[in-house]
Amino acid sequence: MGSLFSPPKPQLPPPPPPIPTPDDPEIQRRKEEVRLAALRRRGRATTILTSGVGDISPANVRRPTLGA
């Protein structure tokens, strides 16, 4: 009589997919993508010749005079 009103048993979930190995081609492809992205970022950063502070050399603010 207890099984007449009890809810049905839940089904078991499917087993998880196998864990990828370091030799997996998808893992290798992703590693290469990350490496190339880091190279692109590093390449852009090397084009900036000043620090985060900016150019700290004295500014040339003297105006030329016509008479001197």
Foldseek 3Di string as FASTA:
>chain_A
DVVVPDDDDDDDDDDDDDDDDCPDVVNVVVVVVVVVVVVVVVVVVVVDPDDPVPDPDDDDPDDDDPPD
